[in-house]
């Protein structure tokens, strides 16, 4: 058997000891959005702690509501960089959790998962979101309660229903509580409608949907 020179063994050991790798300042961010905030920008800083350059091969966000971009495609040894993430908040409320998978050509072959958790204030609370009538039943009125949780930033604009077989009316109440009254013209056959509640949040329009159906 041919002997491997000693200097070759030391060379291989050196490679194994200092593989290319990215160290992250954090891979899990937890933030709170402001009432009416439409989008959020944030960064995940990293550093190449190895002795070889690391190339970022791909970034795979978990949702179409977000995008991710590196500030550099290749990070030299000892160099720092960051992944910038843009997250759209419109239409979401409560706790939203999203992630970005980062694939690199690092020696270990692993990918990093960057996780973002955002608490988004619920500006409009609608109870219930779905109103229904049985076919052949009385076409009586049904009411959904609409609560504006932050009247300083949020106001109700108008209610719209494209299906003429349903009548929807919004009545103001006290302390940011409204009554949405919905009534079908009749219940002789199945019908469906989406009732759009137009809201102004921080000077910008948003839309919430209540479903009504005869079934």
Protein backbone atom coordinates (compact mmCIF):
# COMPACT_ATOMS: atom_id res chain seq x y z
CA UNK A 1 0.00 0.00 0.00
CA UNK A 2 1.33 3.42 -0.98
CA UNK A 3 1.97 5.68 1.99
CA UNK A 4 0.37 9.13 2.04
CA UNK A 5 2.93 11.86 2.77
CA UNK A 6 2.69 13.42 6.22
CA UNK A 7 2.24 16.97 4.85
CA UNK A 8 -0.83 15.73 2.87
CA UNK A 9 -2.46 14.45 6.05
CA UNK A 10 -1.89 17.79 7.75
CA UNK A 11 -3.38 19.58 4.75
CA UNK A 12 -6.55 17.42 4.80
CA UNK A 13 -6.92 17.86 8.54
CA UNK A 14 -6.72 21.61 8.12
CA UNK A 15 -9.58 21.58 5.64
CA UNK A 16 -11.73 19.48 7.95
CA UNK A 17 -10.96 21.73 10.91
CA UNK A 18 -11.93 25.01 9.21
CA UNK A 19 -14.82 24.35 6.78
CA UNK A 20 -16.66 27.23 5.18
CA UNK A 21 -19.65 28.15 7.32
CA UNK A 22 -21.92 31.09 8.04
CA UNK A 23 -22.53 32.19 11.61
CA UNK A 24 -25.82 34.02 12.20
CA UNK A 25 -26.40 36.73 14.76
CA UNK A 26 -29.89 35.22 15.10
CA UNK A 27 -32.08 32.93 13.01
CA UNK A 28 -35.30 33.71 14.87
CA UNK A 29 -36.77 37.23 15.06
CA UNK A 30 -39.92 38.15 17.00
CA UNK A 31 -41.45 41.56 16.30
CA UNK A 32 -44.66 43.52 16.80
CA UNK A 33 -46.28 45.49 13.97
CA UNK A 34 -47.88 48.89 14.47
CA UNK A 35 -51.64 49.30 13.90
CA UNK A 36 -52.24 49.79 10.19
CA UNK A 37 -48.66 48.94 9.20
CA UNK A 38 -48.66 47.70 5.60
CA UNK A 39 -45.22 46.08 5.37
CA UNK A 40 -42.10 45.31 7.38
CA UNK A 41 -38.39 45.29 6.44
CA UNK A 42 -35.76 43.51 8.52
CA UNK A 43 -32.33 41.91 8.23
CA UNK A 44 -30.62 38.70 9.36
CA UNK A 45 -26.86 39.48 9.75
CA UNK A 46 -24.24 36.75 9.26
CA UNK A 47 -20.45 36.24 9.15
CA UNK A 48 -18.28 33.72 7.33
CA UNK A 49 -16.46 31.99 10.19
CA UNK A 50 -14.57 29.59 7.90
CA UNK A 51 -11.41 29.85 5.84
CA UNK A 52 -13.05 29.59 2.41
CA UNK A 53 -15.61 31.75 0.57
CA UNK A 54 -19.28 30.82 0.94
CA UNK A 55 -21.68 31.29 -1.96
CA UNK A 56 -25.40 31.79 -1.31
CA UNK A 57 -27.10 29.47 -3.78
CA UNK A 58 -30.77 30.19 -3.13
CA UNK A 59 -33.28 31.85 -0.80
CA UNK A 60 -36.68 30.16 -0.51
CA UNK A 61 -39.39 32.15 1.38
CA UNK A 62 -42.25 30.11 2.83
CA UNK A 63 -44.93 32.55 1.57
CA UNK A 64 -45.57 34.72 -1.49
CA UNK A 65 -46.18 37.62 0.94
CA UNK A 66 -42.44 37.90 1.56
CA UNK A 67 -39.19 38.32 -0.39
CA UNK A 68 -35.57 37.79 0.62
CA UNK A 69 -32.38 39.23 -0.90
CA UNK A 70 -28.71 38.85 0.12
CA UNK A 71 -26.50 41.95 0.13
CA UNK A 72 -23.79 39.83 -1.54
CA UNK A 73 -23.76 36.54 -3.43
CA UNK A 74 -20.33 35.42 -2.12
CA UNK A 75 -18.99 36.03 1.39
CA UNK A 76 -15.22 35.87 1.85
CA UNK A 77 -13.59 34.39 4.98
CA UNK A 78 -14.11 36.71 7.96
CA UNK A 79 -16.50 38.89 5.96
CA UNK A 80 -19.98 39.87 7.17
CA UNK A 81 -23.22 40.25 5.27
CA UNK A 82 -26.98 40.14 5.70
CA UNK A 83 -30.21 38.78 4.26
CA UNK A 84 -32.86 41.48 3.82
CA UNK A 85 -36.46 40.32 4.19
CA UNK A 86 -39.56 42.24 3.10
CA UNK A 87 -42.89 41.07 4.54
CA UNK A 88 -46.33 42.31 3.44
CA UNK A 89 -48.76 42.62 6.35
CA UNK A 90 -51.96 43.69 4.57
CA UNK A 91 -54.79 41.23 5.17
CA UNK A 92 -53.13 39.47 8.11
CA UNK A 93 -53.92 39.69 11.82
CA UNK A 94 -52.75 37.98 14.99
CA UNK A 95 -49.52 35.97 15.14
CA UNK A 96 -47.95 35.39 11.73
CA UNK A 97 -44.95 33.06 11.41
CA UNK A 98 -42.88 32.90 8.21
CA UNK A 99 -39.47 31.51 7.28
CA UNK A 100 -36.73 31.65 4.62
CA UNK A 101 -34.57 28.64 3.73
CA UNK A 102 -30.99 29.67 2.88
CA UNK A 103 -28.95 27.21 0.79
CA UNK A 104 -25.17 27.71 0.44
CA UNK A 105 -22.19 25.76 -0.90
CA UNK A 106 -20.81 25.33 2.64
CA UNK A 107 -18.89 22.10 3.27
CA UNK A 108 -21.49 20.66 5.67
CA UNK A 109 -24.23 20.85 3.01
CA UNK A 110 -26.78 22.15 5.52
CA UNK A 111 -29.14 25.06 4.94
CA UNK A 112 -30.16 27.71 7.44
CA UNK A 113 -33.79 28.42 8.26
CA UNK A 114 -34.48 32.06 9.16
CA UNK A 115 -37.73 32.42 11.08
CA UNK A 116 -39.81 35.53 11.60
CA UNK A 117 -42.75 35.82 13.99
CA UNK A 118 -44.83 39.01 13.86
CA UNK A 119 -47.72 40.02 16.11
CA UNK A 120 -50.13 42.00 13.92
CA UNK A 121 -52.88 43.99 15.67
CA UNK A 122 -56.40 42.88 14.74
CA UNK A 123 -57.98 46.15 13.61
CA UNK A 124 -61.41 44.78 12.72
CA UNK A 125 -63.11 41.94 14.58
CA UNK A 126 -66.15 40.48 12.77
CA UNK A 127 -68.42 37.98 14.54
CA UNK A 128 -69.56 35.85 12.82
CA UNK A 129 -67.77 35.93 9.46
CA UNK A 130 -70.28 33.54 7.84
CA UNK A 131 -74.07 34.01 7.76
CA UNK A 132 -76.33 31.35 6.30
CA UNK A 133 -79.97 30.44 5.81
CA UNK A 134 -81.58 27.09 5.01
CA UNK A 135 -83.32 26.77 1.65
CA UNK A 136 -87.04 27.37 2.22
CA UNK A 137 -86.57 28.95 5.67
CA UNK A 138 -87.70 32.43 6.65
CA UNK A 139 -85.63 35.14 4.97
CA UNK A 140 -85.08 36.96 8.23
CA UNK A 141 -82.28 39.39 9.01
CA UNK A 142 -79.01 38.15 10.45
CA UNK A 143 -76.48 40.38 12.18
CA UNK A 144 -72.69 40.35 12.30
CA UNK A 145 -70.99 42.47 14.94
CA UNK A 146 -68.12 44.60 13.64
CA UNK A 147 -65.71 45.96 16.25
CA UNK A 148 -63.08 48.60 15.42
CA UNK A 149 -60.29 47.93 17.91
CA UNK A 150 -58.34 51.15 17.24
CA UNK A 151 -60.66 54.01 16.19
CA UNK A 152 -57.70 56.42 16.10
CA UNK A 153 -56.19 54.67 13.08
CA UNK A 154 -59.15 52.77 11.63
CA UNK A 155 -62.56 53.82 10.32
CA UNK A 156 -65.31 52.04 8.40
CA UNK A 157 -65.93 53.44 4.93
CA UNK A 158 -68.78 51.51 3.29
CA UNK A 159 -70.25 48.06 2.76
CA UNK A 160 -70.80 46.54 -0.69
CA UNK A 161 -72.57 43.41 -1.93
CA UNK A 162 -72.47 42.52 -5.65
CA UNK A 163 -75.28 39.95 -5.39
CA UNK A 164 -78.63 41.81 -5.64
CA UNK A 165 -80.39 38.91 -3.88
CA UNK A 166 -78.81 40.00 -0.60
CA UNK A 167 -79.25 43.34 1.13
CA UNK A 168 -76.49 44.49 3.50
CA UNK A 169 -76.56 47.55 5.75
CA UNK A 170 -74.04 48.86 8.25
CA UNK A 171 -75.31 50.70 11.33
CA UNK A 172 -73.02 52.60 13.71
CA UNK A 173 -73.00 51.77 17.39
CA UNK A 174 -71.17 52.90 20.51
CA UNK A 175 -67.44 52.68 21.30
CA UNK A 176 -66.40 51.40 17.87
CA UNK A 177 -69.02 48.63 17.68
CA UNK A 178 -71.13 48.39 14.49
CA UNK A 179 -73.99 46.16 13.32
CA UNK A 180 -73.89 44.64 9.85
CA UNK A 181 -77.40 43.51 8.95
CA UNK A 182 -77.79 41.06 6.06
CA UNK A 183 -81.06 39.81 4.56
CA UNK A 184 -81.72 37.65 1.47
CA UNK A 185 -84.60 38.65 -0.80
CA UNK A 186 -85.87 35.06 -0.52
CA UNK A 187 -84.60 31.58 0.32
CA UNK A 188 -86.28 29.52 -2.39
CA UNK A 189 -83.00 28.53 -4.01
CA UNK A 190 -79.32 28.34 -3.04
CA UNK A 191 -77.45 31.65 -3.27
CA UNK A 192 -74.02 32.90 -2.20
CA UNK A 193 -72.56 36.35 -1.72
CA UNK A 194 -69.36 38.00 -0.53
CA UNK A 195 -70.04 41.19 1.39
CA UNK A 196 -67.10 43.57 1.23
CA UNK A 197 -66.45 45.82 4.19
CA UNK A 198 -64.26 48.71 3.07
CA UNK A 199 -62.05 50.12 5.82
CA UNK A 200 -59.62 53.05 5.99
CA UNK A 201 -56.52 52.18 8.00
CA UNK A 202 -53.98 54.95 8.51
CA UNK A 203 -55.38 56.76 5.48
CA UNK A 204 -55.14 53.67 3.25
CA UNK A 205 -58.03 51.45 2.11
CA UNK A 206 -58.29 47.83 3.18
CA UNK A 207 -61.02 45.28 2.59
CA UNK A 208 -62.60 42.65 4.82
CA UNK A 209 -65.04 39.99 3.62
CA UNK A 210 -68.15 38.49 5.23
CA UNK A 211 -69.76 35.48 3.55
CA UNK A 212 -73.53 34.99 3.21
CA UNK A 213 -75.28 31.96 1.72
CA UNK A 214 -78.59 30.23 1.32
CA UNK A 215 -77.89 26.51 1.29
